[in-house]
């Protein structure tokens, strides 16, 4: 790996072939060095290799002191680049799969960073104040790599393919209060064209949105706050669905559609409650300014 590169938490997890939240927790605990840029963490391949070496040393040389390990893992003096912007998205040009992968890594990393900074959160039902010390402990990550296997008609996925192909990651923080509260982010791209044609330009549809929401519903009754990101925008029916107050209320759902082409967040603006939680997806603002010089 090239030590001049920087990886997001998700990219580092893909490289290590571990769950996203394992890397996030290592970073939050200071065991894996990382630099903070806005809402995102950036990790160098050299830091990953240093951490892996320290683990091997710890296994094979029990005489090494904790002080030695701490010294080896001390974060390097890397300045924060405040000019970092999200990947550019041009609605007039079909989106390549590598750019879609970068978008997926960016939004998942930004969402984790934004949620991880929350100390207190008011429950949408009843208004009880929730305090969370470790959001990573409440996090589960799912993706659609099994579907990707079917699309590619193969029994395995190599690292090169995973490094350039989006996986439609679904991040969920489940707060086991009464009632349950689920805070989620879903990247909703078209895996078939990305995997086979390596490009896509069709907006996500209402049918695709509803299929995800129905398929990811919890068995127990829960309040869901869900942000869905499409790398190719949304069709008009999906936008109408996100603003359908009666349907949203019937499904205990606060829904936000993030349009990375414009940086806008589409939701039911008539609902005071929905407006109050829109800030959970404030990272979308970065896309609004991505093309400004």
C-alpha atoms as a PDB file:
ATOM      1  CA  UNK A   1       0.000   0.000   0.000  1.00  0.00           C
ATOM      2  CA  UNK A   2       1.062   3.562  -0.669  1.00  0.00           C
ATOM      3  CA  UNK A   3       1.690   5.468   2.577  1.00  0.00           C
ATOM      4  CA  UNK A   4       0.763   8.755   0.882  1.00  0.00           C
ATOM      5  CA  UNK A   5      -2.856   7.624   0.565  1.00  0.00           C
ATOM      6  CA  UNK A   6      -5.574   8.313   3.107  1.00  0.00           C
ATOM      7  CA  UNK A   7      -8.392   5.886   3.824  1.00  0.00           C
ATOM      8  CA  UNK A   8     -11.808   6.477   5.332  1.00  0.00           C
ATOM      9  CA  UNK A   9     -12.930   4.267   8.203  1.00  0.00           C
ATOM     10  CA  UNK A  10     -15.009   2.158   5.814  1.00  0.00           C
ATOM     11  CA  UNK A  11     -12.144   1.778   3.343  1.00  0.00           C
ATOM     12  CA  UNK A  12      -9.829   0.756   6.185  1.00  0.00           C
ATOM     13  CA  UNK A  13     -12.411  -1.798   7.333  1.00  0.00           C
ATOM     14  CA  UNK A  14     -12.695  -3.201   3.802  1.00  0.00           C
ATOM     15  CA  UNK A  15      -8.910  -3.491   3.587  1.00  0.00           C
ATOM     16  CA  UNK A  16      -8.706  -5.280   6.942  1.00  0.00           C
ATOM     17  CA  UNK A  17     -11.805  -7.366   6.133  1.00  0.00           C
ATOM     18  CA  UNK A  18     -13.431  -6.472   9.441  1.00  0.00           C
ATOM     19  CA  UNK A  19     -16.667  -4.817  10.474  1.00  0.00           C
ATOM     20  CA  UNK A  20     -16.831  -1.037  10.022  1.00  0.00           C
ATOM     21  CA  UNK A  21     -17.478  -0.445  13.736  1.00  0.00           C
ATOM     22  CA  UNK A  22     -14.312  -2.352  14.755  1.00  0.00           C
ATOM     23  CA  UNK A  23     -12.156   0.273  13.046  1.00  0.00           C
ATOM     24  CA  UNK A  24     -14.365   3.103  14.326  1.00  0.00           C
ATOM     25  CA  UNK A  25     -13.971   1.896  17.909  1.00  0.00           C
ATOM     26  CA  UNK A  26     -10.171   1.532  17.553  1.00  0.00           C
ATOM     27  CA  UNK A  27     -10.004   5.126  16.322  1.00  0.00           C
ATOM     28  CA  UNK A  28     -12.281   6.478  19.074  1.00  0.00           C
ATOM     29  CA  UNK A  29     -10.223   4.657  21.727  1.00  0.00           C
ATOM     30  CA  UNK A  30      -6.989   6.100  20.318  1.00  0.00           C
ATOM     31  CA  UNK A  31      -5.547   2.689  19.509  1.00  0.00           C
ATOM     32  CA  UNK A  32      -5.498   3.337  15.761  1.00  0.00           C
ATOM     33  CA  UNK A  33      -4.156   6.779  14.770  1.00  0.00           C
ATOM     34  CA  UNK A  34      -6.392   8.913  12.573  1.00  0.00           C
ATOM     35  CA  UNK A  35      -6.709  12.533  11.528  1.00  0.00           C
ATOM     36  CA  UNK A  36     -10.052  14.341  11.755  1.00  0.00           C
ATOM     37  CA  UNK A  37     -11.161  16.361   8.711  1.00  0.00           C
ATOM     38  CA  UNK A  38     -14.585  17.899   9.253  1.00  0.00           C
ATOM     39  CA  UNK A  39     -16.954  15.022  10.033  1.00  0.00           C
ATOM     40  CA  UNK A  40     -14.556  12.409   8.696  1.00  0.00           C
ATOM     41  CA  UNK A  41     -11.614  10.404   9.980  1.00  0.00           C
ATOM     42  CA  UNK A  42      -8.623   9.790   7.720  1.00  0.00           C
ATOM     43  CA  UNK A  43      -6.216   6.892   8.279  1.00  0.00           C
ATOM     44  CA  UNK A  44      -2.921   6.221   6.507  1.00  0.00           C
ATOM     45  CA  UNK A  45      -1.975   2.723   5.363  1.00  0.00           C
ATOM     46  CA  UNK A  46       1.208   3.154   7.418  1.00  0.00           C
ATOM     47  CA  UNK A  47      -0.874   3.601  10.578  1.00  0.00           C
ATOM     48  CA  UNK A  48      -2.777   0.410   9.787  1.00  0.00           C
ATOM     49  CA  UNK A  49       0.447  -1.533   9.249  1.00  0.00           C
ATOM     50  CA  UNK A  50       1.877  -0.128  12.496  1.00  0.00           C
ATOM     51  CA  UNK A  51      -1.205  -1.253  14.386  1.00  0.00           C
ATOM     52  CA  UNK A  52      -1.016  -4.751  12.865  1.00  0.00           C
ATOM     53  CA  UNK A  53       2.684  -4.985  13.745  1.00  0.00           C
ATOM     54  CA  UNK A  54       1.921  -3.977  17.316  1.00  0.00           C
ATOM     55  CA  UNK A  55      -0.674  -6.735  17.539  1.00  0.00           C
ATOM     56  CA  UNK A  56       1.800  -9.324  16.272  1.00  0.00           C
ATOM     57  CA  UNK A  57       4.460  -8.057  18.682  1.00  0.00           C
ATOM     58  CA  UNK A  58       1.963  -8.259  21.537  1.00  0.00           C
ATOM     59  CA  UNK A  59       1.176 -11.878  20.652  1.00  0.00           C
ATOM     60  CA  UNK A  60       4.759 -13.087  20.192  1.00  0.00           C
ATOM     61  CA  UNK A  61       6.820 -10.940  22.572  1.00  0.00           C
ATOM     62  CA  UNK A  62       4.989 -10.661  25.856  1.00  0.00           C
ATOM     63  CA  UNK A  63       7.968  -8.909  27.417  1.00  0.00           C
ATOM     64  CA  UNK A  64       7.308  -5.708  25.449  1.00  0.00           C
ATOM     65  CA  UNK A  65       6.043  -2.929  27.704  1.00  0.00           C
ATOM     66  CA  UNK A  66       2.769  -1.097  27.274  1.00  0.00           C
ATOM     67  CA  UNK A  67       4.766   2.092  27.052  1.00  0.00           C
ATOM     68  CA  UNK A  68       6.579   0.807  23.976  1.00  0.00           C
ATOM     69  CA  UNK A  69       3.294  -0.036  22.273  1.00  0.00           C
ATOM     70  CA  UNK A  70       1.797   3.349  23.121  1.00  0.00           C
ATOM     71  CA  UNK A  71       4.839   5.069  21.706  1.00  0.00           C
ATOM     72  CA  UNK A  72       4.636   3.129  18.448  1.00  0.00           C
ATOM     73  CA  UNK A  73       0.954   4.024  18.008  1.00  0.00           C
ATOM     74  CA  UNK A  74       1.163   7.723  18.838  1.00  0.00           C
ATOM     75  CA  UNK A  75      -0.734   9.679  16.155  1.00  0.00           C
ATOM     76  CA  UNK A  76       1.570  11.412  13.671  1.00  0.00           C
ATOM     77  CA  UNK A  77       1.562  15.181  13.420  1.00  0.00           C
ATOM     78  CA  UNK A  78      -0.575  15.406  10.283  1.00  0.00           C
ATOM     79  CA  UNK A  79      -2.274  18.791   9.752  1.00  0.00           C
ATOM     80  CA  UNK A  80      -6.006  18.808   9.108  1.00  0.00           C
ATOM     81  CA  UNK A  81      -6.878  19.780   5.532  1.00  0.00           C
ATOM     82  CA  UNK A  82      -9.884  22.040   5.951  1.00  0.00           C
ATOM     83  CA  UNK A  83     -10.287  22.248   2.164  1.00  0.00           C
ATOM     84  CA  UNK A  84     -11.254  18.581   1.772  1.00  0.00           C
ATOM     85  CA  UNK A  85     -14.523  18.313  -0.160  1.00  0.00           C
ATOM     86  CA  UNK A  86     -16.713  15.314  -0.975  1.00  0.00           C
ATOM     87  CA  UNK A  87     -16.434  13.591  -4.364  1.00  0.00           C
ATOM     88  CA  UNK A  88     -17.878  15.732  -7.140  1.00  0.00           C
ATOM     89  CA  UNK A  89     -21.165  14.624  -8.677  1.00  0.00           C
ATOM     90  CA  UNK A  90     -22.304  15.964 -12.046  1.00  0.00           C
ATOM     91  CA  UNK A  91     -25.926  15.155 -12.817  1.00  0.00           C
ATOM     92  CA  UNK A  92     -25.211  15.493 -16.546  1.00  0.00           C
ATOM     93  CA  UNK A  93     -22.568  12.753 -16.588  1.00  0.00           C
ATOM     94  CA  UNK A  94     -23.145   9.048 -15.783  1.00  0.00           C
ATOM     95  CA  UNK A  95     -21.579   8.187 -12.443  1.00  0.00           C
ATOM     96  CA  UNK A  96     -18.709   5.694 -12.489  1.00  0.00           C
ATOM     97  CA  UNK A  97     -18.599   2.878  -9.956  1.00  0.00           C
ATOM     98  CA  UNK A  98     -15.335   4.087  -8.377  1.00  0.00           C
ATOM     99  CA  UNK A  99     -16.845   7.518  -7.751  1.00  0.00           C
ATOM    100  CA  UNK A 100     -19.949   5.832  -6.340  1.00  0.00           C
ATOM    101  CA  UNK A 101     -17.706   3.838  -4.001  1.00  0.00           C
ATOM    102  CA  UNK A 102     -16.009   7.051  -2.849  1.00  0.00           C
ATOM    103  CA  UNK A 103     -19.392   8.653  -2.246  1.00  0.00           C
ATOM    104  CA  UNK A 104     -20.504   5.666  -0.184  1.00  0.00           C
ATOM    105  CA  UNK A 105     -17.364   5.787   1.955  1.00  0.00           C
ATOM    106  CA  UNK A 106     -17.720   9.553   2.408  1.00  0.00           C
ATOM    107  CA  UNK A 107     -21.352   9.573   3.551  1.00  0.00           C
ATOM    108  CA  UNK A 108     -20.976   6.539   5.856  1.00  0.00           C
ATOM    109  CA  UNK A 109     -17.892   8.061   7.458  1.00  0.00           C
ATOM    110  CA  UNK A 110     -19.538  11.475   7.786  1.00  0.00           C
ATOM    111  CA  UNK A 111     -22.707   9.994   9.295  1.00  0.00           C
ATOM    112  CA  UNK A 112     -20.737   7.973  11.854  1.00  0.00           C
ATOM    113  CA  UNK A 113     -18.776  11.079  12.786  1.00  0.00           C
ATOM    114  CA  UNK A 114     -21.903  13.182  13.150  1.00  0.00           C
ATOM    115  CA  UNK A 115     -23.779  10.639  15.269  1.00  0.00           C
ATOM    116  CA  UNK A 116     -20.680   9.899  17.343  1.00  0.00           C
ATOM    117  CA  UNK A 117     -20.563  13.518  18.524  1.00  0.00           C
ATOM    118  CA  UNK A 118     -24.098  13.424  19.969  1.00  0.00           C
ATOM    119  CA  UNK A 119     -24.201  13.465  23.769  1.00  0.00           C
ATOM    120  CA  UNK A 120     -27.938  13.812  24.341  1.00  0.00           C
ATOM    121  CA  UNK A 121     -30.848  13.040  22.034  1.00  0.00           C
ATOM    122  CA  UNK A 122     -34.558  13.584  22.583  1.00  0.00           C
ATOM    123  CA  UNK A 123     -36.680  10.548  21.745  1.00  0.00           C
ATOM    124  CA  UNK A 124     -39.211  11.439  19.013  1.00  0.00           C
ATOM    125  CA  UNK A 125     -41.949   9.630  20.947  1.00  0.00           C
ATOM    126  CA  UNK A 126     -42.569  11.035  24.409  1.00  0.00           C
ATOM    127  CA  UNK A 127     -39.585  13.379  24.397  1.00  0.00           C
ATOM    128  CA  UNK A 128     -37.440  11.426  26.880  1.00  0.00           C
ATOM    129  CA  UNK A 129     -33.804  12.537  26.862  1.00  0.00           C
ATOM    130  CA  UNK A 130     -31.380   9.791  25.835  1.00  0.00           C
ATOM    131  CA  UNK A 131     -27.698   9.881  26.818  1.00  0.00           C
ATOM    132  CA  UNK A 132     -25.251   7.697  24.886  1.00  0.00           C
ATOM    133  CA  UNK A 133     -21.604   7.250  25.873  1.00  0.00           C
ATOM    134  CA  UNK A 134     -20.536   4.900  23.079  1.00  0.00           C
ATOM    135  CA  UNK A 135     -22.519   5.054  19.855  1.00  0.00           C
ATOM    136  CA  UNK A 136     -20.262   2.464  18.225  1.00  0.00           C
ATOM    137  CA  UNK A 137     -21.570  -0.135  20.676  1.00  0.00           C
ATOM    138  CA  UNK A 138     -25.097   0.448  19.333  1.00  0.00           C
ATOM    139  CA  UNK A 139     -24.079   0.193  15.687  1.00  0.00           C
ATOM    140  CA  UNK A 140     -24.656  -2.588  13.182  1.00  0.00           C
ATOM    141  CA  UNK A 141     -23.490  -2.514   9.571  1.00  0.00           C
ATOM    142  CA  UNK A 142     -25.093  -4.413   6.712  1.00  0.00           C
ATOM    143  CA  UNK A 143     -24.384  -4.401   2.996  1.00  0.00           C
ATOM    144  CA  UNK A 144     -25.475  -6.184  -0.173  1.00  0.00           C
ATOM    145  CA  UNK A 145     -22.354  -8.130  -1.079  1.00  0.00           C
ATOM    146  CA  UNK A 146     -24.407 -11.344  -1.298  1.00  0.00           C
ATOM    147  CA  UNK A 147     -26.462  -9.680  -4.017  1.00  0.00           C
ATOM    148  CA  UNK A 148     -23.237  -8.570  -5.694  1.00  0.00           C
ATOM    149  CA  UNK A 149     -22.112 -12.214  -5.752  1.00  0.00           C
ATOM    150  CA  UNK A 150     -25.312 -13.107  -7.605  1.00  0.00           C
ATOM    151  CA  UNK A 151     -24.921 -10.245 -10.077  1.00  0.00           C
ATOM    152  CA  UNK A 152     -21.348 -11.248 -10.887  1.00  0.00           C
ATOM    153  CA  UNK A 153     -22.248 -14.964 -10.843  1.00  0.00           C
ATOM    154  CA  UNK A 154     -19.343 -15.812  -8.586  1.00  0.00           C
ATOM    155  CA  UNK A 155     -18.755 -17.376  -5.184  1.00  0.00           C
ATOM    156  CA  UNK A 156     -16.145 -14.874  -4.000  1.00  0.00           C
ATOM    157  CA  UNK A 157     -15.251 -11.189  -4.139  1.00  0.00           C
ATOM    158  CA  UNK A 158     -11.629 -10.110  -4.338  1.00  0.00           C
ATOM    159  CA  UNK A 159     -10.246  -7.018  -2.639  1.00  0.00           C
ATOM    160  CA  UNK A 160      -9.817  -5.159  -5.923  1.00  0.00           C
ATOM    161  CA  UNK A 161     -13.507  -5.517  -6.735  1.00  0.00           C
ATOM    162  CA  UNK A 162     -14.560  -4.470  -3.235  1.00  0.00           C
ATOM    163  CA  UNK A 163     -12.263  -1.444  -3.383  1.00  0.00           C
ATOM    164  CA  UNK A 164     -14.034   0.022  -6.428  1.00  0.00           C
ATOM    165  CA  UNK A 165     -17.633  -1.211  -6.158  1.00  0.00           C
ATOM    166  CA  UNK A 166     -20.304   0.231  -3.834  1.00  0.00           C
ATOM    167  CA  UNK A 167     -22.028  -2.294  -1.560  1.00  0.00           C
ATOM    168  CA  UNK A 168     -25.171  -0.350  -0.600  1.00  0.00           C
ATOM    169  CA  UNK A 169     -24.097  -0.073   3.015  1.00  0.00           C
ATOM    170  CA  UNK A 170     -26.777   0.219   5.707  1.00  0.00           C
ATOM    171  CA  UNK A 171     -25.660   1.754   9.017  1.00  0.00           C
ATOM    172  CA  UNK A 172     -28.018   1.391  11.977  1.00  0.00           C
ATOM    173  CA  UNK A 173     -27.764   2.686  15.558  1.00  0.00           C
ATOM    174  CA  UNK A 174     -30.352   0.908  17.690  1.00  0.00           C
ATOM    175  CA  UNK A 175     -31.222   2.586  20.995  1.00  0.00           C
ATOM    176  CA  UNK A 176     -33.034  -0.005  23.079  1.00  0.00           C
ATOM    177  CA  UNK A 177     -35.275   2.413  24.905  1.00  0.00           C
ATOM    178  CA  UNK A 178     -39.026   2.098  25.179  1.00  0.00           C
ATOM    179  CA  UNK A 179     -40.077   2.277  22.435  1.00  0.00           C
ATOM    180  CA  UNK A 180     -37.076   1.259  20.333  1.00  0.00           C
ATOM    181  CA  UNK A 181     -35.341   4.027  18.397  1.00  0.00           C
ATOM    182  CA  UNK A 182     -33.415   3.261  15.223  1.00  0.00           C
ATOM    183  CA  UNK A 183     -31.194   5.909  13.582  1.00  0.00           C
ATOM    184  CA  UNK A 184     -30.083   4.822  10.126  1.00  0.00           C
ATOM    185  CA  UNK A 185     -28.251   5.683   6.932  1.00  0.00           C
ATOM    186  CA  UNK A 186     -28.672   3.711   3.716  1.00  0.00           C
ATOM    187  CA  UNK A 187     -26.629   4.115   0.547  1.00  0.00           C
ATOM    188  CA  UNK A 188     -29.022   3.149  -2.239  1.00  0.00           C
ATOM    189  CA  UNK A 189     -27.214   2.679  -5.540  1.00  0.00           C
ATOM    190  CA  UNK A 190     -27.946   0.434  -8.503  1.00  0.00           C
ATOM    191  CA  UNK A 191     -25.544  -2.466  -7.977  1.00  0.00           C
ATOM    192  CA  UNK A 192     -26.289  -4.197 -11.273  1.00  0.00           C
ATOM    193  CA  UNK A 193     -25.116  -1.418 -13.618  1.00  0.00           C
ATOM    194  CA  UNK A 194     -22.265  -0.447 -11.305  1.00  0.00           C
ATOM    195  CA  UNK A 195     -21.014  -4.051 -11.227  1.00  0.00           C
ATOM    196  CA  UNK A 196     -21.528  -4.889 -14.903  1.00  0.00           C
ATOM    197  CA  UNK A 197     -21.425  -1.616 -16.872  1.00  0.00           C
ATOM    198  CA  UNK A 198     -19.367   0.267 -14.248  1.00  0.00           C
ATOM    199  CA  UNK A 199     -21.613   3.349 -14.643  1.00  0.00           C
ATOM    200  CA  UNK A 200     -25.150   4.438 -13.789  1.00  0.00           C
ATOM    201  CA  UNK A 201     -27.272   7.533 -14.286  1.00  0.00           C
ATOM    202  CA  UNK A 202     -30.834   6.450 -13.440  1.00  0.00           C
ATOM    203  CA  UNK A 203     -32.337   8.041 -10.314  1.00  0.00           C
ATOM    204  CA  UNK A 204     -33.463   5.822  -7.456  1.00  0.00           C
ATOM    205  CA  UNK A 205     -37.188   5.099  -7.551  1.00  0.00           C
ATOM    206  CA  UNK A 206     -40.001   5.009  -5.029  1.00  0.00           C
ATOM    207  CA  UNK A 207     -40.272   1.239  -5.514  1.00  0.00           C
ATOM    208  CA  UNK A 208     -36.598   0.817  -4.581  1.00  0.00           C
ATOM    209  CA  UNK A 209     -37.007   3.088  -1.573  1.00  0.00           C
ATOM    210  CA  UNK A 210     -40.046   1.181  -0.299  1.00  0.00           C
ATOM    211  CA  UNK A 211     -38.351  -2.163  -0.915  1.00  0.00           C
ATOM    212  CA  UNK A 212     -35.461  -1.117   1.314  1.00  0.00           C
ATOM    213  CA  UNK A 213     -37.694   0.302   4.060  1.00  0.00           C
ATOM    214  CA  UNK A 214     -39.911  -2.790   4.125  1.00  0.00           C
ATOM    215  CA  UNK A 215     -36.978  -5.196   3.993  1.00  0.00           C
ATOM    216  CA  UNK A 216     -35.102  -3.481   6.819  1.00  0.00           C
ATOM    217  CA  UNK A 217     -38.069  -3.005   9.158  1.00  0.00           C
ATOM    218  CA  UNK A 218     -37.541  -4.227  12.715  1.00  0.00           C
ATOM    219  CA  UNK A 219     -39.689  -7.047  14.063  1.00  0.00           C
ATOM    220  CA  UNK A 220     -40.540  -5.070  17.190  1.00  0.00           C
ATOM    221  CA  UNK A 221     -42.399  -1.776  16.917  1.00  0.00           C
ATOM    222  CA  UNK A 222     -39.790   0.957  16.608  1.00  0.00           C
ATOM    223  CA  UNK A 223     -39.437   4.622  15.756  1.00  0.00           C
ATOM    224  CA  UNK A 224     -37.090   4.977  12.783  1.00  0.00           C
ATOM    225  CA  UNK A 225     -35.070   8.001  11.707  1.00  0.00           C
ATOM    226  CA  UNK A 226     -33.749   7.065   8.269  1.00  0.00           C
ATOM    227  CA  UNK A 227     -31.537   8.928   5.819  1.00  0.00           C
ATOM    228  CA  UNK A 228     -31.269   7.441   2.327  1.00  0.00           C
ATOM    229  CA  UNK A 229     -28.515   8.503  -0.064  1.00  0.00           C
ATOM    230  CA  UNK A 230     -28.791   7.898  -3.788  1.00  0.00           C
ATOM    231  CA  UNK A 231     -25.635   8.643  -5.813  1.00  0.00           C
ATOM    232  CA  UNK A 232     -27.813   9.308  -8.876  1.00  0.00           C
ATOM    233  CA  UNK A 233     -30.633  11.338  -7.332  1.00  0.00           C
ATOM    234  CA  UNK A 234     -34.305  10.498  -6.746  1.00  0.00           C
ATOM    235  CA  UNK A 235     -37.320  10.289  -9.005  1.00  0.00           C
ATOM    236  CA  UNK A 236     -40.368  12.478  -8.361  1.00  0.00           C
ATOM    237  CA  UNK A 237     -42.412   9.662  -6.848  1.00  0.00           C
ATOM    238  CA  UNK A 238     -39.710   8.971  -4.248  1.00  0.00           C
ATOM    239  CA  UNK A 239     -39.639  12.663  -3.339  1.00  0.00           C
ATOM    240  CA  UNK A 240     -43.434  12.688  -2.975  1.00  0.00           C
ATOM    241  CA  UNK A 241     -43.237   9.625  -0.723  1.00  0.00           C
ATOM    242  CA  UNK A 242     -40.726  11.344   1.573  1.00  0.00           C
ATOM    243  CA  UNK A 243     -43.218  14.202   2.033  1.00  0.00           C
ATOM    244  CA  UNK A 244     -46.324  12.044   2.587  1.00  0.00           C
ATOM    245  CA  UNK A 245     -47.161  12.975   6.176  1.00  0.00           C
ATOM    246  CA  UNK A 246     -49.945  10.416   6.686  1.00  0.00           C
ATOM    247  CA  UNK A 247     -47.849   7.507   5.386  1.00  0.00           C
ATOM    248  CA  UNK A 248     -44.819   8.533   7.447  1.00  0.00           C
ATOM    249  CA  UNK A 249     -46.857   8.815  10.647  1.00  0.00           C
ATOM    250  CA  UNK A 250     -48.505   5.432  10.069  1.00  0.00           C
ATOM    251  CA  UNK A 251     -45.074   3.824   9.763  1.00  0.00           C
ATOM    252  CA  UNK A 252     -43.417   5.587  12.751  1.00  0.00           C
ATOM    253  CA  UNK A 253     -40.904   6.956  10.296  1.00  0.00           C
ATOM    254  CA  UNK A 254     -38.895  10.150   9.923  1.00  0.00           C
ATOM    255  CA  UNK A 255     -37.477   9.903   6.398  1.00  0.00           C
ATOM    256  CA  UNK A 256     -34.792  12.011   4.732  1.00  0.00           C
ATOM    257  CA  UNK A 257     -33.632  11.666   1.121  1.00  0.00           C
ATOM    258  CA  UNK A 258     -30.126  13.041   0.576  1.00  0.00           C
ATOM    259  CA  UNK A 259     -29.424  14.284  -2.949  1.00  0.00           C
ATOM    260  CA  UNK A 260     -25.646  14.376  -3.374  1.00  0.00           C
ATOM    261  CA  UNK A 261     -25.973  16.230  -6.681  1.00  0.00           C
ATOM    262  CA  UNK A 262     -27.397  19.327  -5.007  1.00  0.00           C
ATOM    263  CA  UNK A 263     -26.615  18.871  -1.310  1.00  0.00           C
ATOM    264  CA  UNK A 264     -30.315  19.061  -0.488  1.00  0.00           C
ATOM    265  CA  UNK A 265     -32.159  16.927   2.049  1.00  0.00           C
ATOM    266  CA  UNK A 266     -35.750  16.141   1.079  1.00  0.00           C
ATOM    267  CA  UNK A 267     -38.213  15.455   3.906  1.00  0.00           C
ATOM    268  CA  UNK A 268     -41.634  16.403   5.239  1.00  0.00           C
ATOM    269  CA  UNK A 269     -40.997  20.054   6.051  1.00  0.00           C
ATOM    270  CA  UNK A 270     -44.543  20.470   7.355  1.00  0.00           C
ATOM    271  CA  UNK A 271     -43.665  18.341  10.380  1.00  0.00           C
ATOM    272  CA  UNK A 272     -41.947  20.208  13.209  1.00  0.00           C
ATOM    273  CA  UNK A 273     -40.603  16.925  14.556  1.00  0.00           C
ATOM    274  CA  UNK A 274     -39.065  15.929  11.222  1.00  0.00           C
ATOM    275  CA  UNK A 275     -37.425  19.345  10.897  1.00  0.00           C
ATOM    276  CA  UNK A 276     -35.801  18.958  14.323  1.00  0.00           C
ATOM    277  CA  UNK A 277     -33.926  15.777  13.359  1.00  0.00           C
ATOM    278  CA  UNK A 278     -32.811  16.899   9.895  1.00  0.00           C
ATOM    279  CA  UNK A 279     -29.484  18.010  11.386  1.00  0.00           C
ATOM    280  CA  UNK A 280     -28.508  14.346  11.756  1.00  0.00           C
ATOM    281  CA  UNK A 281     -27.832  14.474   8.032  1.00  0.00           C
ATOM    282  CA  UNK A 282     -26.202  17.894   8.007  1.00  0.00           C
ATOM    283  CA  UNK A 283     -23.154  16.445   6.254  1.00  0.00           C
ATOM    284  CA  UNK A 284     -25.161  16.845   3.025  1.00  0.00           C
ATOM    285  CA  UNK A 285     -24.303  20.559   3.136  1.00  0.00           C
ATOM    286  CA  UNK A 286     -20.787  19.670   1.992  1.00  0.00           C
ATOM    287  CA  UNK A 287     -22.172  18.574  -1.375  1.00  0.00           C
ATOM    288  CA  UNK A 288     -23.923  21.907  -1.780  1.00  0.00           C
ATOM    289  CA  UNK A 289     -20.555  23.653  -1.802  1.00  0.00           C
ATOM    290  CA  UNK A 290     -18.553  20.974  -3.606  1.00  0.00           C
ATOM    291  CA  UNK A 291     -18.385  22.934  -6.852  1.00  0.00           C
ATOM    292  CA  UNK A 292     -17.677  26.322  -5.331  1.00  0.00           C
ATOM    293  CA  UNK A 293     -14.182  27.639  -5.827  1.00  0.00           C
END
